[in-house]
Amino acid sequence: MITKVNSQNFESEVLNSELPVLVDFFAVWCGPCKMVSPVIDNLASELEGKVKVAKLDIDQSMDIAMKYRVMSVPTLMLFKDGMEAHRVSGAMPREMILNEFGDFF
């Protein structure tokens, strides 16, 4: 299940989560974001119970994107215990995403 996060619920859904949270920072106009979106959706189902998967539209929550210095989309950021643990930018296949973040969940 994908959790939609924004400026209002970012703290409660991401920073205060007991599970690690993989946040997909995206924009609706972003072609590579559209390419990686189905991969993120599949990972959300596959990893349910191990990691929470969230999506944040940078145009609707620019304050959060600025706070975490998201300079390009898509950016995948993993939060653990309320802190950023790892990030990568750019569209990538499922295997690369799992290689990047697998040690965290």
PDB file of N, CA and C in Angstrom:
ATOM      1  N   MET A   1       0.837  -1.189   0.000  1.00  0.00           N
ATOM      2  CA  MET A   1       0.000   0.000   0.000  1.00  0.00           C
ATOM      3  C   MET A   1       0.877   1.245   0.000  1.00  0.00           C
ATOM      4  N   ILE A   2       0.531   2.193  -0.832  1.00  0.00           N
ATOM      5  CA  ILE A   2       1.259   3.456  -0.923  1.00  0.00           C
ATOM      6  C   ILE A   2       0.577   4.472  -0.007  1.00  0.00           C
ATOM      7  N   THR A   3       1.385   5.164   0.771  1.00  0.00           N
ATOM      8  CA  THR A   3       0.881   6.243   1.615  1.00  0.00           C
ATOM      9  C   THR A   3       1.199   7.560   0.926  1.00  0.00           C
ATOM     10  N   LYS A   4       0.191   8.380   0.703  1.00  0.00           N
ATOM     11  CA  LYS A   4       0.430   9.702   0.120  1.00  0.00           C
ATOM     12  C   LYS A   4       0.772  10.654   1.255  1.00  0.00           C
ATOM     13  N   VAL A   5       1.924  11.301   1.134  1.00  0.00           N
ATOM     14  CA  VAL A   5       2.344  12.229   2.174  1.00  0.00           C
ATOM     15  C   VAL A   5       2.457  13.629   1.602  1.00  0.00           C
ATOM     16  N   ASN A   6       2.300  14.601   2.503  1.00  0.00           N
ATOM     17  CA  ASN A   6       2.386  16.010   2.136  1.00  0.00           C
ATOM     18  C   ASN A   6       2.898  16.792   3.347  1.00  0.00           C
ATOM     19  N   SER A   7       2.871  18.089   3.251  1.00  0.00           N
ATOM     20  CA  SER A   7       3.378  18.942   4.333  1.00  0.00           C
ATOM     21  C   SER A   7       2.634  18.714   5.641  1.00  0.00           C
ATOM     22  N   GLN A   8       1.356  18.384   5.562  1.00  0.00           N
ATOM     23  CA  GLN A   8       0.542  18.228   6.763  1.00  0.00           C
ATOM     24  C   GLN A   8       0.796  16.905   7.493  1.00  0.00           C
ATOM     25  N   ASN A   9       1.073  15.826   6.755  1.00  0.00           N
ATOM     26  CA  ASN A   9       1.198  14.531   7.419  1.00  0.00           C
ATOM     27  C   ASN A   9       2.601  13.923   7.338  1.00  0.00           C
ATOM     28  N   PHE A  10       3.571  14.647   6.811  1.00  0.00           N
ATOM     29  CA  PHE A  10       4.920  14.106   6.649  1.00  0.00           C
ATOM     30  C   PHE A  10       5.519  13.666   7.988  1.00  0.00           C
ATOM     31  N   GLU A  11       5.391  14.497   8.986  1.00  0.00           N
ATOM     32  CA  GLU A  11       5.974  14.162  10.289  1.00  0.00           C
ATOM     33  C   GLU A  11       5.346  12.898  10.872  1.00  0.00           C
ATOM     34  N   SER A  12       4.013  12.832  10.866  1.00  0.00           N
ATOM     35  CA  SER A  12       3.341  11.679  11.473  1.00  0.00           C
ATOM     36  C   SER A  12       3.541  10.400  10.664  1.00  0.00           C
ATOM     37  N   GLU A  13       3.499  10.493   9.335  1.00  0.00           N
ATOM     38  CA  GLU A  13       3.582   9.293   8.492  1.00  0.00           C
ATOM     39  C   GLU A  13       5.009   8.829   8.221  1.00  0.00           C
ATOM     40  N   VAL A  14       5.950   9.761   8.194  1.00  0.00           N
ATOM     41  CA  VAL A  14       7.329   9.405   7.829  1.00  0.00           C
ATOM     42  C   VAL A  14       8.258   9.478   9.039  1.00  0.00           C
ATOM     43  N   LEU A  15       8.370  10.639   9.629  1.00  0.00           N
ATOM     44  CA  LEU A  15       9.352  10.827  10.705  1.00  0.00           C
ATOM     45  C   LEU A  15       9.009  10.047  11.962  1.00  0.00           C
ATOM     46  N   ASN A  16       7.711   9.874  12.244  1.00  0.00           N
ATOM     47  CA  ASN A  16       7.297   9.163  13.455  1.00  0.00           C
ATOM     48  C   ASN A  16       6.935   7.694  13.206  1.00  0.00           C
ATOM     49  N   SER A  17       7.210   7.191  12.007  1.00  0.00           N
ATOM     50  CA  SER A  17       6.867   5.812  11.672  1.00  0.00           C
ATOM     51  C   SER A  17       7.779   4.836  12.411  1.00  0.00           C
ATOM     52  N   GLU A  18       7.195   3.739  12.886  1.00  0.00           N
ATOM     53  CA  GLU A  18       7.992   2.693  13.516  1.00  0.00           C
ATOM     54  C   GLU A  18       8.746   1.875  12.470  1.00  0.00           C
ATOM     55  N   LEU A  19       8.184   1.783  11.282  1.00  0.00           N
ATOM     56  CA  LEU A  19       8.850   1.083  10.175  1.00  0.00           C
ATOM     57  C   LEU A  19       9.737   2.067   9.412  1.00  0.00           C
ATOM     58  N   PRO A  20      10.779   1.564   8.734  1.00  0.00           N
ATOM     59  CA  PRO A  20      11.495   2.436   7.797  1.00  0.00           C
ATOM     60  C   PRO A  20      10.508   2.902   6.718  1.00  0.00           C
ATOM     61  N   VAL A  21      10.729   4.097   6.187  1.00  0.00           N
ATOM     62  CA  VAL A  21       9.830   4.644   5.171  1.00  0.00           C
ATOM     63  C   VAL A  21      10.638   5.013   3.927  1.00  0.00           C
ATOM     64  N   LEU A  22      10.256   4.438   2.792  1.00  0.00           N
ATOM     65  CA  LEU A  22      10.840   4.788   1.511  1.00  0.00           C
ATOM     66  C   LEU A  22       9.929   5.821   0.869  1.00  0.00           C
ATOM     67  N   VAL A  23      10.444   7.040   0.695  1.00  0.00           N
ATOM     68  CA  VAL A  23       9.639   8.125   0.136  1.00  0.00           C
ATOM     69  C   VAL A  23      10.068   8.379  -1.300  1.00  0.00           C
ATOM     70  N   ASP A  24       9.092   8.346  -2.196  1.00  0.00           N
ATOM     71  CA  ASP A  24       9.289   8.671  -3.607  1.00  0.00           C
ATOM     72  C   ASP A  24       8.911  10.135  -3.788  1.00  0.00           C
ATOM     73  N   PHE A  25       9.922  11.000  -3.927  1.00  0.00           N
ATOM     74  CA  PHE A  25       9.695  12.409  -4.227  1.00  0.00           C
ATOM     75  C   PHE A  25       9.532  12.498  -5.739  1.00  0.00           C
ATOM     76  N   PHE A  26       8.351  12.944  -6.191  1.00  0.00           N
ATOM     77  CA  PHE A  26       8.039  12.931  -7.617  1.00  0.00           C
ATOM     78  C   PHE A  26       7.315  14.204  -8.020  1.00  0.00           C
ATOM     79  N   ALA A  27       7.107  14.344  -9.326  1.00  0.00           N
ATOM     80  CA  ALA A  27       6.275  15.418  -9.876  1.00  0.00           C
ATOM     81  C   ALA A  27       5.421  14.819 -10.988  1.00  0.00           C
ATOM     82  N   VAL A  28       4.191  15.298 -11.119  1.00  0.00           N
ATOM     83  CA  VAL A  28       3.286  14.723 -12.120  1.00  0.00           C
ATOM     84  C   VAL A  28       3.776  14.964 -13.545  1.00  0.00           C
ATOM     85  N   TRP A  29       4.566  16.007 -13.766  1.00  0.00           N
ATOM     86  CA  TRP A  29       5.063  16.334 -15.094  1.00  0.00           C
ATOM     87  C   TRP A  29       6.355  15.588 -15.453  1.00  0.00           C
ATOM     88  N   CYS A  30       6.864  14.788 -14.555  1.00  0.00           N
ATOM     89  CA  CYS A  30       8.179  14.148 -14.694  1.00  0.00           C
ATOM     90  C   CYS A  30       8.062  12.792 -15.389  1.00  0.00           C
ATOM     91  N   GLY A  31       8.635  12.669 -16.584  1.00  0.00           N
ATOM     92  CA  GLY A  31       8.612  11.413 -17.331  1.00  0.00           C
ATOM     93  C   GLY A  31       9.280  10.254 -16.599  1.00  0.00           C
ATOM     94  N   PRO A  32      10.521  10.432 -16.110  1.00  0.00           N
ATOM     95  CA  PRO A  32      11.160   9.341 -15.374  1.00  0.00           C
ATOM     96  C   PRO A  32      10.386   8.926 -14.121  1.00  0.00           C
ATOM     97  N   CYS A  33       9.678   9.870 -13.499  1.00  0.00           N
ATOM     98  CA  CYS A  33       8.855   9.531 -12.327  1.00  0.00           C
ATOM     99  C   CYS A  33       7.749   8.562 -12.727  1.00  0.00           C
ATOM    100  N   LYS A  34       7.161   8.794 -13.898  1.00  0.00           N
ATOM    101  CA  LYS A  34       6.096   7.916 -14.383  1.00  0.00           C
ATOM    102  C   LYS A  34       6.641   6.522 -14.704  1.00  0.00           C
ATOM    103  N   MET A  35       7.902   6.467 -15.145  1.00  0.00           N
ATOM    104  CA  MET A  35       8.516   5.171 -15.450  1.00  0.00           C
ATOM    105  C   MET A  35       8.772   4.360 -14.181  1.00  0.00           C
ATOM    106  N   VAL A  36       9.193   5.008 -13.098  1.00  0.00           N
ATOM    107  CA  VAL A  36       9.545   4.297 -11.871  1.00  0.00           C
ATOM    108  C   VAL A  36       8.315   4.032 -10.984  1.00  0.00           C
ATOM    109  N   SER A  37       7.228   4.736 -11.221  1.00  0.00           N
ATOM    110  CA  SER A  37       6.049   4.612 -10.377  1.00  0.00           C
ATOM    111  C   SER A  37       5.514   3.179 -10.245  1.00  0.00           C
ATOM    112  N   PRO A  38       5.382   2.407 -11.345  1.00  0.00           N
ATOM    113  CA  PRO A  38       4.899   1.026 -11.192  1.00  0.00           C
ATOM    114  C   PRO A  38       5.860   0.159 -10.367  1.00  0.00           C
ATOM    115  N   VAL A  39       7.157   0.435 -10.470  1.00  0.00           N
ATOM    116  CA  VAL A  39       8.148  -0.310  -9.686  1.00  0.00           C
ATOM    117  C   VAL A  39       7.941  -0.023  -8.198  1.00  0.00           C
ATOM    118  N   ILE A  40       7.724   1.237  -7.868  1.00  0.00           N
ATOM    119  CA  ILE A  40       7.493   1.636  -6.475  1.00  0.00           C
ATOM    120  C   ILE A  40       6.199   0.993  -5.970  1.00  0.00           C
ATOM    121  N   ASP A  41       5.161   1.000  -6.793  1.00  0.00           N
ATOM    122  CA  ASP A  41       3.890   0.381  -6.406  1.00  0.00           C
ATOM    123  C   ASP A  41       4.077  -1.106  -6.095  1.00  0.00           C
ATOM    124  N   ASN A  42       4.834  -1.809  -6.939  1.00  0.00           N
ATOM    125  CA  ASN A  42       5.077  -3.238  -6.718  1.00  0.00           C
ATOM    126  C   ASN A  42       5.898  -3.470  -5.452  1.00  0.00           C
ATOM    127  N   LEU A  43       6.897  -2.644  -5.225  1.00  0.00           N
ATOM    128  CA  LEU A  43       7.705  -2.789  -4.013  1.00  0.00           C
ATOM    129  C   LEU A  43       6.865  -2.560  -2.764  1.00  0.00           C
ATOM    130  N   ALA A  44       5.924  -1.634  -2.834  1.00  0.00           N
ATOM    131  CA  ALA A  44       5.055  -1.363  -1.683  1.00  0.00           C
ATOM    132  C   ALA A  44       4.288  -2.616  -1.293  1.00  0.00           C
ATOM    133  N   SER A  45       3.782  -3.342  -2.281  1.00  0.00           N
ATOM    134  CA  SER A  45       3.055  -4.588  -1.995  1.00  0.00           C
ATOM    135  C   SER A  45       3.998  -5.677  -1.510  1.00  0.00           C
ATOM    136  N   GLU A  46       5.119  -5.801  -2.178  1.00  0.00           N
ATOM    137  CA  GLU A  46       6.081  -6.856  -1.873  1.00  0.00           C
ATOM    138  C   GLU A  46       6.704  -6.699  -0.479  1.00  0.00           C
ATOM    139  N   LEU A  47       6.934  -5.473  -0.063  1.00  0.00           N
ATOM    140  CA  LEU A  47       7.645  -5.213   1.200  1.00  0.00           C
ATOM    141  C   LEU A  47       6.717  -4.826   2.343  1.00  0.00           C
ATOM    142  N   GLU A  48       5.410  -4.973   2.135  1.00  0.00           N
ATOM    143  CA  GLU A  48       4.450  -4.591   3.174  1.00  0.00           C
ATOM    144  C   GLU A  48       4.779  -5.289   4.488  1.00  0.00           C
ATOM    145  N   GLY A  49       4.787  -4.512   5.557  1.00  0.00           N
ATOM    146  CA  GLY A  49       5.130  -5.034   6.874  1.00  0.00           C
ATOM    147  C   GLY A  49       6.601  -4.862   7.225  1.00  0.00           C
ATOM    148  N   LYS A  50       7.449  -4.677   6.201  1.00  0.00           N
ATOM    149  CA  LYS A  50       8.877  -4.461   6.421  1.00  0.00           C
ATOM    150  C   LYS A  50       9.241  -2.985   6.290  1.00  0.00           C
ATOM    151  N   VAL A  51       8.588  -2.325   5.346  1.00  0.00           N
ATOM    152  CA  VAL A  51       8.870  -0.920   5.064  1.00  0.00           C
ATOM    153  C   VAL A  51       7.578  -0.254   4.599  1.00  0.00           C
ATOM    154  N   LYS A  52       7.395   0.988   4.992  1.00  0.00           N
ATOM    155  CA  LYS A  52       6.262   1.768   4.495  1.00  0.00           C
ATOM    156  C   LYS A  52       6.752   2.500   3.249  1.00  0.00           C
ATOM    157  N   VAL A  53       5.937   2.521   2.219  1.00  0.00           N
ATOM    158  CA  VAL A  53       6.284   3.228   0.990  1.00  0.00           C
ATOM    159  C   VAL A  53       5.345   4.415   0.846  1.00  0.00           C
ATOM    160  N   ALA A  54       5.938   5.579   0.617  1.00  0.00           N
ATOM    161  CA  ALA A  54       5.160   6.818   0.523  1.00  0.00           C
ATOM    162  C   ALA A  54       5.554   7.587  -0.729  1.00  0.00           C
ATOM    163  N   LYS A  55       4.621   8.395  -1.204  1.00  0.00           N
ATOM    164  CA  LYS A  55       4.880   9.275  -2.348  1.00  0.00           C
ATOM    165  C   LYS A  55       4.577  10.705  -1.936  1.00  0.00           C
ATOM    166  N   LEU A  56       5.465  11.609  -2.351  1.00  0.00           N
ATOM    167  CA  LEU A  56       5.293  13.026  -2.053  1.00  0.00           C
ATOM    168  C   LEU A  56       5.453  13.818  -3.335  1.00  0.00           C
ATOM    169  N   ASP A  57       4.417  14.559  -3.719  1.00  0.00           N
ATOM    170  CA  ASP A  57       4.435  15.428  -4.895  1.00  0.00           C
ATOM    171  C   ASP A  57       5.180  16.707  -4.516  1.00  0.00           C
ATOM    172  N   ILE A  58       6.345  16.923  -5.130  1.00  0.00           N
ATOM    173  CA  ILE A  58       7.176  18.070  -4.736  1.00  0.00           C
ATOM    174  C   ILE A  58       6.515  19.409  -5.039  1.00  0.00           C
ATOM    175  N   ASP A  59       5.628  19.457  -6.034  1.00  0.00           N
ATOM    176  CA  ASP A  59       4.959  20.711  -6.359  1.00  0.00           C
ATOM    177  C   ASP A  59       3.887  21.067  -5.333  1.00  0.00           C
ATOM    178  N   GLN A  60       3.319  20.073  -4.676  1.00  0.00           N
ATOM    179  CA  GLN A  60       2.300  20.322  -3.666  1.00  0.00           C
ATOM    180  C   GLN A  60       2.894  20.481  -2.267  1.00  0.00           C
ATOM    181  N   SER A  61       4.109  19.990  -2.075  1.00  0.00           N
ATOM    182  CA  SER A  61       4.769  20.064  -0.763  1.00  0.00           C
ATOM    183  C   SER A  61       6.200  20.554  -0.942  1.00  0.00           C
ATOM    184  N   MET A  62       6.311  21.725  -1.567  1.00  0.00           N
ATOM    185  CA  MET A  62       7.611  22.284  -1.875  1.00  0.00           C
ATOM    186  C   MET A  62       8.466  22.514  -0.626  1.00  0.00           C
ATOM    187  N   ASP A  63       7.818  22.811   0.508  1.00  0.00           N
ATOM    188  CA  ASP A  63       8.572  23.051   1.741  1.00  0.00           C
ATOM    189  C   ASP A  63       9.337  21.804   2.179  1.00  0.00           C
ATOM    190  N   ILE A  64       8.728  20.634   2.032  1.00  0.00           N
ATOM    191  CA  ILE A  64       9.396  19.388   2.405  1.00  0.00           C
ATOM    192  C   ILE A  64      10.530  19.101   1.417  1.00  0.00           C
ATOM    193  N   ALA A  65      10.261  19.281   0.135  1.00  0.00           N
ATOM    194  CA  ALA A  65      11.295  19.057  -0.880  1.00  0.00           C
ATOM    195  C   ALA A  65      12.490  19.978  -0.643  1.00  0.00           C
ATOM    196  N   MET A  66      12.236  21.220  -0.277  1.00  0.00           N
ATOM    197  CA  MET A  66      13.320  22.159  -0.006  1.00  0.00           C
ATOM    198  C   MET A  66      14.067  21.783   1.272  1.00  0.00           C
ATOM    199  N   LYS A  67      13.335  21.393   2.301  1.00  0.00           N
ATOM    200  CA  LYS A  67      13.969  21.019   3.569  1.00  0.00           C
ATOM    201  C   LYS A  67      14.969  19.887   3.374  1.00  0.00           C
ATOM    202  N   TYR A  68      14.619  18.917   2.533  1.00  0.00           N
ATOM    203  CA  TYR A  68      15.491  17.768   2.303  1.00  0.00           C
ATOM    204  C   TYR A  68      16.346  17.922   1.047  1.00  0.00           C
ATOM    205  N   ARG A  69      16.360  19.113   0.498  1.00  0.00           N
ATOM    206  CA  ARG A  69      17.213  19.471  -0.646  1.00  0.00           C
ATOM    207  C   ARG A  69      17.056  18.503  -1.817  1.00  0.00           C
ATOM    208  N   VAL A  70      15.810  18.253  -2.162  1.00  0.00           N
ATOM    209  CA  VAL A  70      15.519  17.423  -3.329  1.00  0.00           C
ATOM    210  C   VAL A  70      15.678  18.312  -4.554  1.00  0.00           C
ATOM    211  N   MET A  71      16.727  18.043  -5.331  1.00  0.00           N
ATOM    212  CA  MET A  71      17.068  18.893  -6.474  1.00  0.00           C
ATOM    213  C   MET A  71      16.599  18.318  -7.806  1.00  0.00           C
ATOM    214  N   SER A  72      16.301  17.016  -7.819  1.00  0.00           N
ATOM    215  CA  SER A  72      15.816  16.401  -9.045  1.00  0.00           C
ATOM    216  C   SER A  72      14.834  15.294  -8.676  1.00  0.00           C
ATOM    217  N   VAL A  73      13.976  14.989  -9.632  1.00  0.00           N
ATOM    218  CA  VAL A  73      12.998  13.930  -9.425  1.00  0.00           C
ATOM    219  C   VAL A  73      13.129  12.916 -10.554  1.00  0.00           C
ATOM    220  N   PRO A  74      12.878  11.657 -10.278  1.00  0.00           N
ATOM    221  CA  PRO A  74      12.502  11.131  -8.978  1.00  0.00           C
ATOM    222  C   PRO A  74      13.703  11.034  -8.033  1.00  0.00           C
ATOM    223  N   THR A  75      13.440  11.269  -6.764  1.00  0.00           N
ATOM    224  CA  THR A  75      14.416  11.007  -5.710  1.00  0.00           C
ATOM    225  C   THR A  75      13.757  10.047  -4.737  1.00  0.00           C
ATOM    226  N   LEU A  76      14.441   8.966  -4.439  1.00  0.00           N
ATOM    227  CA  LEU A  76      13.971   8.005  -3.449  1.00  0.00           C
ATOM    228  C   LEU A  76      14.804   8.211  -2.196  1.00  0.00           C
ATOM    229  N   MET A  77      14.114   8.400  -1.080  1.00  0.00           N
ATOM    230  CA  MET A  77      14.793   8.662   0.178  1.00  0.00           C
ATOM    231  C   MET A  77      14.246   7.713   1.234  1.00  0.00           C
ATOM    232  N   LEU A  78      15.144   7.068   1.959  1.00  0.00           N
ATOM    233  CA  LEU A  78      14.727   6.165   3.023  1.00  0.00           C
ATOM    234  C   LEU A  78      14.928   6.855   4.372  1.00  0.00           C
ATOM    235  N   PHE A  79      13.869   6.860   5.162  1.00  0.00           N
ATOM    236  CA  PHE A  79      13.908   7.417   6.511  1.00  0.00           C
ATOM    237  C   PHE A  79      13.814   6.269   7.496  1.00  0.00           C
ATOM    238  N   LYS A  80      14.677   6.300   8.490  1.00  0.00           N
ATOM    239  CA  LYS A  80      14.662   5.287   9.538  1.00  0.00           C
ATOM    240  C   LYS A  80      14.831   6.004  10.865  1.00  0.00           C
ATOM    241  N   ASP A  81      13.933   5.708  11.810  1.00  0.00           N
ATOM    242  CA  ASP A  81      13.954   6.364  13.123  1.00  0.00           C
ATOM    243  C   ASP A  81      13.915   7.887  13.001  1.00  0.00           C
ATOM    244  N   GLY A  82      13.133   8.377  12.029  1.00  0.00           N
ATOM    245  CA  GLY A  82      12.939   9.811  11.871  1.00  0.00           C
ATOM    246  C   GLY A  82      14.058  10.552  11.186  1.00  0.00           C
ATOM    247  N   MET A  83      15.046   9.828  10.708  1.00  0.00           N
ATOM    248  CA  MET A  83      16.200  10.463  10.064  1.00  0.00           C
ATOM    249  C   MET A  83      16.386   9.905   8.656  1.00  0.00           C
ATOM    250  N   GLU A  84      16.928  10.751   7.778  1.00  0.00           N
ATOM    251  CA  GLU A  84      17.271  10.268   6.439  1.00  0.00           C
ATOM    252  C   GLU A  84      18.426   9.284   6.560  1.00  0.00           C
ATOM    253  N   ALA A  85      18.247   8.087   6.016  1.00  0.00           N
ATOM    254  CA  ALA A  85      19.280   7.058   6.078  1.00  0.00           C
ATOM    255  C   ALA A  85      20.008   6.888   4.747  1.00  0.00           C
ATOM    256  N   HIS A  86      19.289   7.111   3.639  1.00  0.00           N
ATOM    257  CA  HIS A  86      19.897   6.908   2.316  1.00  0.00           C
ATOM    258  C   HIS A  86      19.023   7.571   1.267  1.00  0.00           C
ATOM    259  N   ARG A  87      19.655   8.001   0.167  1.00  0.00           N
ATOM    260  CA  ARG A  87      18.892   8.555  -0.952  1.00  0.00           C
ATOM    261  C   ARG A  87      19.576   8.271  -2.271  1.00  0.00           C
ATOM    262  N   VAL A  88      18.754   8.175  -3.307  1.00  0.00           N
ATOM    263  CA  VAL A  88      19.237   8.076  -4.680  1.00  0.00           C
ATOM    264  C   VAL A  88      18.311   8.904  -5.551  1.00  0.00           C
ATOM    265  N   SER A  89      18.855   9.398  -6.657  1.00  0.00           N
ATOM    266  CA  SER A  89      18.051  10.171  -7.604  1.00  0.00           C
ATOM    267  C   SER A  89      18.090   9.509  -8.965  1.00  0.00           C
ATOM    268  N   GLY A  90      17.003   9.676  -9.691  1.00  0.00           N
ATOM    269  CA  GLY A  90      16.913   9.143 -11.034  1.00  0.00           C
ATOM    270  C   GLY A  90      16.100   7.863 -11.088  1.00  0.00           C
ATOM    271  N   ALA A  91      15.551   7.606 -12.262  1.00  0.00           N
ATOM    272  CA  ALA A  91      14.773   6.384 -12.469  1.00  0.00           C
ATOM    273  C   ALA A  91      15.729   5.210 -12.548  1.00  0.00           C
ATOM    274  N   MET A  92      15.358   4.115 -11.902  1.00  0.00           N
ATOM    275  CA  MET A  92      16.186   2.911 -11.927  1.00  0.00           C
ATOM    276  C   MET A  92      15.291   1.689 -11.840  1.00  0.00           C
ATOM    277  N   PRO A  93      15.786   0.557 -12.329  1.00  0.00           N
ATOM    278  CA  PRO A  93      14.982  -0.665 -12.263  1.00  0.00           C
ATOM    279  C   PRO A  93      14.879  -1.197 -10.836  1.00  0.00           C
ATOM    280  N   ARG A  94      13.945  -2.078 -10.649  1.00  0.00           N
ATOM    281  CA  ARG A  94      13.639  -2.678  -9.343  1.00  0.00           C
ATOM    282  C   ARG A  94      14.883  -3.234  -8.654  1.00  0.00           C
ATOM    283  N   GLU A  95      15.698  -3.971  -9.386  1.00  0.00           N
ATOM    284  CA  GLU A  95      16.880  -4.600  -8.791  1.00  0.00           C
ATOM    285  C   GLU A  95      17.839  -3.569  -8.220  1.00  0.00           C
ATOM    286  N   MET A  96      18.017  -2.453  -8.932  1.00  0.00           N
ATOM    287  CA  MET A  96      18.916  -1.401  -8.440  1.00  0.00           C
ATOM    288  C   MET A  96      18.348  -0.742  -7.181  1.00  0.00           C
ATOM    289  N   ILE A  97      17.047  -0.558  -7.150  1.00  0.00           N
ATOM    290  CA  ILE A  97      16.414   0.035  -5.964  1.00  0.00           C
ATOM    291  C   ILE A  97      16.611  -0.885  -4.769  1.00  0.00           C
ATOM    292  N   LEU A  98      16.391  -2.184  -4.976  1.00  0.00           N
ATOM    293  CA  LEU A  98      16.585  -3.141  -3.883  1.00  0.00           C
ATOM    294  C   LEU A  98      18.042  -3.204  -3.446  1.00  0.00           C
ATOM    295  N   ASN A  99      18.975  -3.104  -4.390  1.00  0.00           N
ATOM    296  CA  ASN A  99      20.392  -3.089  -4.030  1.00  0.00           C
ATOM    297  C   ASN A  99      20.751  -1.856  -3.219  1.00  0.00           C
ATOM    298  N   GLU A 100      20.164  -0.732  -3.576  1.00  0.00           N
ATOM    299  CA  GLU A 100      20.445   0.520  -2.873  1.00  0.00           C
ATOM    300  C   GLU A 100      19.891   0.530  -1.463  1.00  0.00           C
ATOM    301  N   PHE A 101      18.673   0.007  -1.296  1.00  0.00           N
ATOM    302  CA  PHE A 101      17.959   0.165  -0.015  1.00  0.00           C
ATOM    303  C   PHE A 101      17.782  -1.123   0.776  1.00  0.00           C
ATOM    304  N   GLY A 102      18.097  -2.253   0.194  1.00  0.00           N
ATOM    305  CA  GLY A 102      17.814  -3.539   0.822  1.00  0.00           C
ATOM    306  C   GLY A 102      18.398  -3.730   2.215  1.00  0.00           C
ATOM    307  N   ASP A 103      19.542  -3.120   2.483  1.00  0.00           N
ATOM    308  CA  ASP A 103      20.166  -3.275   3.796  1.00  0.00           C
ATOM    309  C   ASP A 103      19.399  -2.558   4.904  1.00  0.00           C
ATOM    310  N   PHE A 104      18.478  -1.690   4.529  1.00  0.00           N
ATOM    311  CA  PHE A 104      17.757  -0.884   5.525  1.00  0.00           C
ATOM    312  C   PHE A 104      16.442  -1.515   5.981  1.00  0.00           C
ATOM    313  N   PHE A 105      15.993  -2.572   5.268  1.00  0.00           N
ATOM    314  CA  PHE A 105      14.738  -3.215   5.662  1.00  0.00           C
ATOM    315  C   PHE A 105      14.777  -4.701   5.446  1.00  0.00           C
TER     316      PHE A 105
END
